[in-house]
Protein backbone atom coordinates (compact mmCIF):
# COMPACT_ATOMS: atom_id res chain seq x y z
CA MET A 1 156.56 -11.93 -37.40
CA LYS A 2 159.04 -9.25 -39.71
CA LYS A 3 157.26 -6.57 -38.95
CA LEU A 4 157.91 -3.84 -41.12
CA ILE A 5 157.37 -5.52 -44.20
CA ILE A 6 154.77 -7.87 -43.14
CA SER A 7 152.47 -4.59 -42.48
CA SER A 8 152.02 -4.84 -46.15
CA LEU A 9 150.32 -7.40 -45.73
CA ALA A 10 148.44 -6.51 -42.23
CA ILE A 11 144.66 -7.62 -41.73
CA ALA A 12 146.47 7.08 -39.66
CA VAL A 13 147.87 9.03 -38.39
CA MET A 14 145.66 12.04 -40.13
CA ALA A 15 147.61 14.72 -41.82
CA SER A 16 145.22 17.30 -40.59
CA CYS A 17 145.39 20.68 -39.53
CA SER A 18 147.29 20.42 -36.25
CA SER A 19 150.56 20.65 -36.10
CA SER A 20 151.32 16.96 -34.07
CA ASN A 21 149.31 15.03 -37.34
CA ASP A 22 150.78 17.33 -40.16
CA ASP A 23 153.17 15.05 -42.50
CA SER A 24 155.40 17.64 -42.86
CA THR A 25 155.92 17.95 -39.35
CA ASN A 26 155.98 14.12 -38.96
CA ASP A 27 157.66 12.42 -41.43
CA ASN A 28 160.43 14.88 -42.12
CA ASN A 29 161.11 16.35 -38.27
CA ASN A 30 165.13 16.58 -39.08
CA SER A 31 167.60 19.33 -39.06
CA THR A 32 169.81 17.40 -41.00
CA PRO A 33 169.63 18.31 -44.77
CA THR A 34 169.44 14.32 -45.06
CA PRO A 35 166.80 12.60 -43.08
CA TYR A 36 167.58 8.84 -42.23
CA LEU A 37 166.03 6.49 -43.81
CA LEU A 38 166.02 3.03 -43.28
CA LYS A 39 167.92 0.99 -45.20
CA THR A 40 168.17 -2.39 -43.59
CA PHE A 41 165.90 -4.06 -40.95
CA THR A 42 166.41 -7.26 -39.03
CA GLU A 43 164.70 -9.44 -36.94
CA ILE A 44 165.51 -12.01 -34.83
CA THR A 45 163.40 -14.42 -33.05
CA GLN A 46 163.46 -15.93 -29.59
CA ASP A 47 164.53 -19.27 -31.55
CA GLY A 48 167.61 -17.66 -33.38
CA ASP A 49 165.45 -17.45 -37.10
CA SER A 50 166.58 -14.39 -38.36
CA PHE A 51 164.62 -12.13 -41.54
CA THR A 52 166.03 -9.49 -43.55
CA THR A 53 164.09 -6.29 -45.38
CA GLN A 54 166.02 -4.06 -47.79
CA TYR A 55 164.09 -0.61 -48.36
CA LYS A 56 164.81 1.14 -51.53
CA TYR A 57 163.45 5.31 -51.63
CA ASN A 58 163.72 8.00 -54.17
CA GLY A 59 164.32 10.97 -52.27
CA THR A 60 162.21 10.32 -48.96
CA LYS A 61 159.65 8.25 -50.55
CA ILE A 62 159.63 4.48 -50.51
CA THR A 63 160.10 2.96 -54.08
CA GLU A 64 160.49 -0.66 -52.15
CA ALA A 65 160.97 -3.35 -49.44
CA PHE A 66 162.69 -6.58 -50.68
CA ASP A 67 161.91 -9.60 -48.38
CA VAL A 68 165.64 -11.52 -48.51
CA ALA A 69 164.22 -14.64 -46.65
CA ASP A 70 161.46 -15.38 -49.07
CA ASN A 71 162.72 -13.41 -52.32
CA GLU A 72 159.56 -11.17 -52.61
CA LYS A 73 159.40 -7.84 -53.28
CA THR A 74 156.70 -4.94 -52.07
CA VAL A 75 156.69 -2.28 -54.44
CA TYR A 76 155.06 1.11 -53.07
CA THR A 77 152.92 3.91 -55.57
CA TYR A 78 152.42 7.87 -54.48
CA ASP A 79 149.96 10.19 -55.56
CA GLY A 80 152.13 13.50 -54.47
CA ASP A 81 153.03 12.75 -50.85
CA ASN A 82 150.51 9.71 -50.37
CA ILE A 83 151.61 5.92 -50.63
CA ILE A 84 147.97 4.85 -52.69
CA LYS A 85 149.23 1.48 -53.60
CA THR A 86 151.28 -1.40 -52.16
CA GLU A 87 152.19 -4.65 -54.06
CA VAL A 88 153.60 -7.61 -52.88
CA TYR A 89 154.82 -9.76 -55.52
CA THR A 90 156.46 -13.43 -54.93
CA LYS A 91 159.78 -14.79 -56.54
CA THR A 92 158.48 -15.64 -59.92
CA GLY A 93 156.78 -12.29 -60.40
CA ALA A 94 153.04 -13.18 -59.67
CA LEU A 95 150.94 -10.54 -57.32
CA LYS A 96 150.57 -12.18 -53.91
CA PHE A 97 149.01 -9.17 -52.20
CA MET A 98 147.60 -5.47 -52.91
CA ARG A 99 146.56 -2.46 -50.92
CA GLU A 100 144.76 0.48 -52.34
CA PHE A 101 144.43 3.57 -50.22
CA SER A 102 142.25 6.52 -50.58
CA TYR A 103 142.56 9.90 -48.46
CA SER A 104 140.53 12.87 -48.16
CA ASN A 105 142.13 16.06 -46.45
CA GLY A 106 144.70 14.31 -46.21
CA LYS A 107 143.57 11.54 -44.33
CA LEU A 108 143.40 7.73 -44.43
CA VAL A 109 139.40 6.82 -45.46
CA SER A 110 139.66 3.44 -46.50
CA GLU A 111 141.89 0.69 -47.89
CA LYS A 112 141.16 -1.74 -50.45
CA VAL A 113 142.83 -5.06 -50.11
CA THR A 114 142.83 -7.74 -52.97
CA ASP A 115 144.40 -11.03 -51.58
CA LYS A 116 145.95 -13.63 -53.67
CA HIS A 117 147.21 -16.22 -51.04
CA GLN A 118 145.23 -19.19 -51.46
CA PRO A 119 144.07 -19.88 -54.80
CA GLY A 120 140.85 -17.60 -55.69
CA THR A 121 141.16 -13.89 -54.79
CA LEU A 122 139.88 -12.30 -51.66
CA VAL A 123 139.20 -8.41 -51.92
CA TYR A 124 137.07 -6.50 -49.01
CA THR A 125 137.49 -2.61 -48.08
CA GLU A 126 138.24 -1.45 -44.85
CA THR A 127 137.08 2.44 -43.60
CA PHE A 128 138.45 4.99 -41.61
CA GLN A 129 135.70 7.32 -39.96
CA TYR A 130 137.04 10.53 -38.10
CA LEU A 131 135.03 11.92 -35.16
CA SER A 132 137.97 14.31 -34.18
CA ASP A 133 141.54 14.66 -35.07
CA SER A 134 142.21 12.21 -32.22
CA HIS A 135 139.00 9.84 -32.38
CA ILE A 136 138.51 7.18 -35.02
CA LYS A 137 136.42 4.55 -35.92
CA HIS A 138 138.12 1.71 -37.92
CA ASN A 139 135.82 -0.87 -39.54
CA ALA A 140 137.88 -3.53 -39.56
CA LEU A 141 137.70 -7.18 -41.26
CA GLN A 142 136.87 -9.43 -38.88
CA THR A 143 135.96 -13.01 -40.54
CA TYR A 144 135.39 -14.55 -43.79
CA THR A 145 134.72 -18.17 -45.22
CA TYR A 146 136.96 -19.65 -47.55
CA ASN A 147 136.00 -22.65 -49.78
CA SER A 148 139.53 -25.05 -50.42
CA THR A 149 137.32 -26.65 -53.08
CA THR A 150 136.49 -23.98 -55.31
CA GLY A 151 138.31 -21.04 -53.90
CA ALA A 152 135.92 -18.77 -53.13
CA TYR A 153 135.10 -16.69 -50.37
CA SER A 154 131.83 -15.50 -48.87
CA ASP A 155 130.22 -14.51 -45.28
CA ILE A 156 133.05 -11.65 -45.26
CA LYS A 157 132.18 -9.78 -41.50
CA PHE A 158 133.54 -6.54 -40.23
CA GLN A 159 133.84 -5.06 -36.79
CA ASP A 160 134.36 -1.50 -35.68
CA LYS A 161 137.59 -0.88 -33.58
CA ASP A 162 137.36 2.57 -31.57
CA ILE A 163 140.95 3.95 -32.03
CA TYR A 164 142.27 7.09 -30.00
CA LEU A 165 145.58 9.17 -30.70
CA ASP A 166 147.94 10.83 -28.26
CA ALA A 167 148.75 14.24 -28.74
CA SER A 168 151.75 13.36 -30.55
CA GLY A 169 149.60 11.05 -33.44
CA ASN A 170 150.43 7.89 -32.13
CA LEU A 171 148.15 5.66 -31.10
CA LEU A 172 146.72 6.08 -27.50
CA SER A 173 144.22 3.36 -27.10
CA MET A 174 142.36 0.84 -29.01
CA THR A 175 139.41 -1.30 -28.36
CA TYR A 176 136.74 -3.47 -29.93
CA SER A 177 134.53 -6.64 -29.77
CA ASN A 178 134.80 -9.93 -30.99
CA ASN A 179 132.52 -13.07 -30.24
CA GLY A 180 131.43 -11.47 -27.27
CA THR A 181 134.51 -10.67 -25.91
CA THR A 182 135.86 -7.16 -25.58
CA TYR A 183 139.69 -6.02 -26.09
CA SER A 184 141.32 -3.39 -25.15
CA THR A 185 144.71 -1.97 -25.42
CA THR A 186 146.68 1.28 -24.56
CA PHE A 187 149.98 2.24 -25.78
CA SER A 188 152.88 4.20 -24.65
CA TYR A 189 155.97 5.90 -26.45
CA ASP A 190 159.81 7.02 -25.79
CA GLY A 191 159.24 11.09 -27.59
CA ASN A 192 162.40 9.53 -29.84
CA ASN A 193 162.30 8.69 -33.78
CA HIS A 194 160.87 5.53 -35.48
CA PRO A 195 162.55 4.01 -37.85
CA MET A 196 160.00 5.00 -40.74
CA LYS A 197 159.58 8.25 -39.44
CA ASN A 198 160.54 10.41 -42.51
CA VAL A 199 159.56 7.91 -45.15
CA LYS A 200 156.76 9.85 -46.63
CA GLY A 201 153.46 8.83 -46.04
CA TYR A 202 154.49 5.28 -44.63
CA ILE A 203 153.16 5.85 -40.96
CA LYS A 204 149.73 7.31 -42.00
CA MET A 205 149.32 4.94 -44.37
CA ASP A 206 150.18 1.81 -41.73
CA MET A 207 149.73 2.91 -37.97
CA LEU A 208 145.90 2.07 -37.92
CA SER A 209 145.38 -1.25 -40.22
CA LEU A 210 148.54 -2.87 -38.12
CA ALA A 211 147.29 -1.12 -34.91
CA ASP A 212 149.60 -3.23 -32.40
CA GLY A 213 151.35 -0.01 -31.78
CA GLU A 214 154.79 -0.70 -33.43
CA ILE A 215 154.63 1.58 -36.18
CA GLY A 216 154.46 5.16 -35.12
CA TYR A 217 156.04 8.23 -34.92
CA SER A 218 157.87 7.68 -31.72
CA ASN A 219 158.67 3.98 -30.31
CA LEU A 220 156.35 1.82 -28.58
CA VAL A 221 157.76 1.15 -24.92
CA LYS A 222 154.73 -0.54 -23.48
CA ALA A 223 151.36 -2.01 -24.66
CA ASP A 224 149.02 -3.19 -22.04
CA GLY A 225 146.02 -5.07 -23.43
CA ASN A 226 143.13 -6.95 -21.75
CA TYR A 227 140.37 -8.73 -22.98
CA ALA A 228 137.06 -10.09 -21.18
CA GLY A 229 133.82 -11.93 -21.94
CA SER A 230 133.31 -15.49 -23.12
CA VAL A 231 137.19 -15.46 -22.88
CA ASN A 232 139.64 -13.70 -20.33
CA GLY A 233 143.18 -12.90 -20.37
CA THR A 234 146.03 -9.76 -20.64
CA THR A 235 148.76 -8.94 -23.17
CA LYS A 236 151.68 -7.02 -22.83
CA THR A 237 154.82 -5.95 -24.81
CA SER A 238 157.76 -3.77 -23.43
CA ALA A 239 160.24 -2.36 -25.41
CA VAL A 240 164.01 -1.46 -24.96
CA HIS A 241 165.26 0.33 -27.67
CA THR A 242 169.28 1.76 -28.17
CA LEU A 243 169.25 5.19 -29.83
CA ASN A 244 171.98 6.50 -31.91
CA ALA A 245 173.24 10.49 -31.37
CA ALA A 246 169.54 11.58 -33.44
CA ASN A 247 167.92 9.42 -31.20
CA TYR A 248 166.70 6.71 -34.00
CA PRO A 249 166.85 2.99 -32.64
CA THR A 250 169.77 0.88 -34.08
CA LYS A 251 168.29 -2.21 -31.51
CA SER A 252 165.14 -2.45 -29.87
CA VAL A 253 164.42 -5.88 -27.80
CA MET A 254 160.56 -6.83 -27.70
CA THR A 255 159.46 -8.82 -25.04
CA TYR A 256 155.44 -10.06 -25.74
CA THR A 257 153.33 -11.81 -22.92
CA SER A 258 150.27 -13.13 -22.84
CA THR A 259 147.68 -15.18 -21.02
CA ALA A 260 147.16 -17.62 -24.17
CA PHE A 261 151.04 -17.88 -25.24
CA GLY A 262 153.38 -16.86 -22.44
CA THR A 263 156.66 -15.15 -23.61
CA ASN A 264 158.48 -14.61 -26.24
CA LYS A 265 161.28 -12.15 -27.05
CA HIS A 266 162.30 -10.62 -30.44
CA THR A 267 165.47 -8.10 -31.27
CA TYR A 268 165.48 -5.79 -34.27
CA LEU A 269 168.44 -4.23 -35.83
CA TYR A 270 168.03 -0.84 -37.93
CA GLU A 271 170.83 0.29 -40.63
CA TYR A 272 170.46 3.35 -41.92
CA ASN A 273 171.73 5.24 -44.87
CA LYS A 274 174.16 7.28 -43.00
């Protein structure tokens, strides 16, 4: 799953006037002169496969994430404290995936994706509409048609996701409908520090797009989902975190359970700059 790098391939918390959503509060809420920055992230699957990502920074701004297994890197570009572009390059140096972000009044308002995974290029733009500081409409990619002969994409469709944030700026709930089925998920957090909390603009960039609750200002402890309509079932995520003295996780054991796929367990390991 490679959660903390695959978010750059995925298909915000807003920096509003409220203290809970201000980057200066959420991204750098540390009393120590040098903030904790994640240097190495390792995910171990239930089958024993291991995936490692290494991070580089300029101060508290992320510059690169290197996927060791695939020998691919993600390069980050800033405008001020906002990440405005991420580019994923293959080991040969070819551009594989690009995300371009636009902001208004400190809030993420759109994400343009350029996907070169297949022959041909898929380009689409997702938008975020703020109905209030805690209520967001995300117009997200739903489906598309790909012609493997010509490499052309067509019939690109979008769906509205209804998202609410809690008082700390983390995901509270998400609801959307797809092909006659309504999907709803609620999220709960531990109040401690997320590994990427001090990285300028990172959580704002990724939390709404990834939308699984694992990117936030605190650490996800539970996500309860259900879907009903043309198909019915449930999804659940539970997490147990081992914390260091500064309340950042050094290990997270994630358990994923769903009606369709049963139970799967992954272990996340985190190493910091100190």
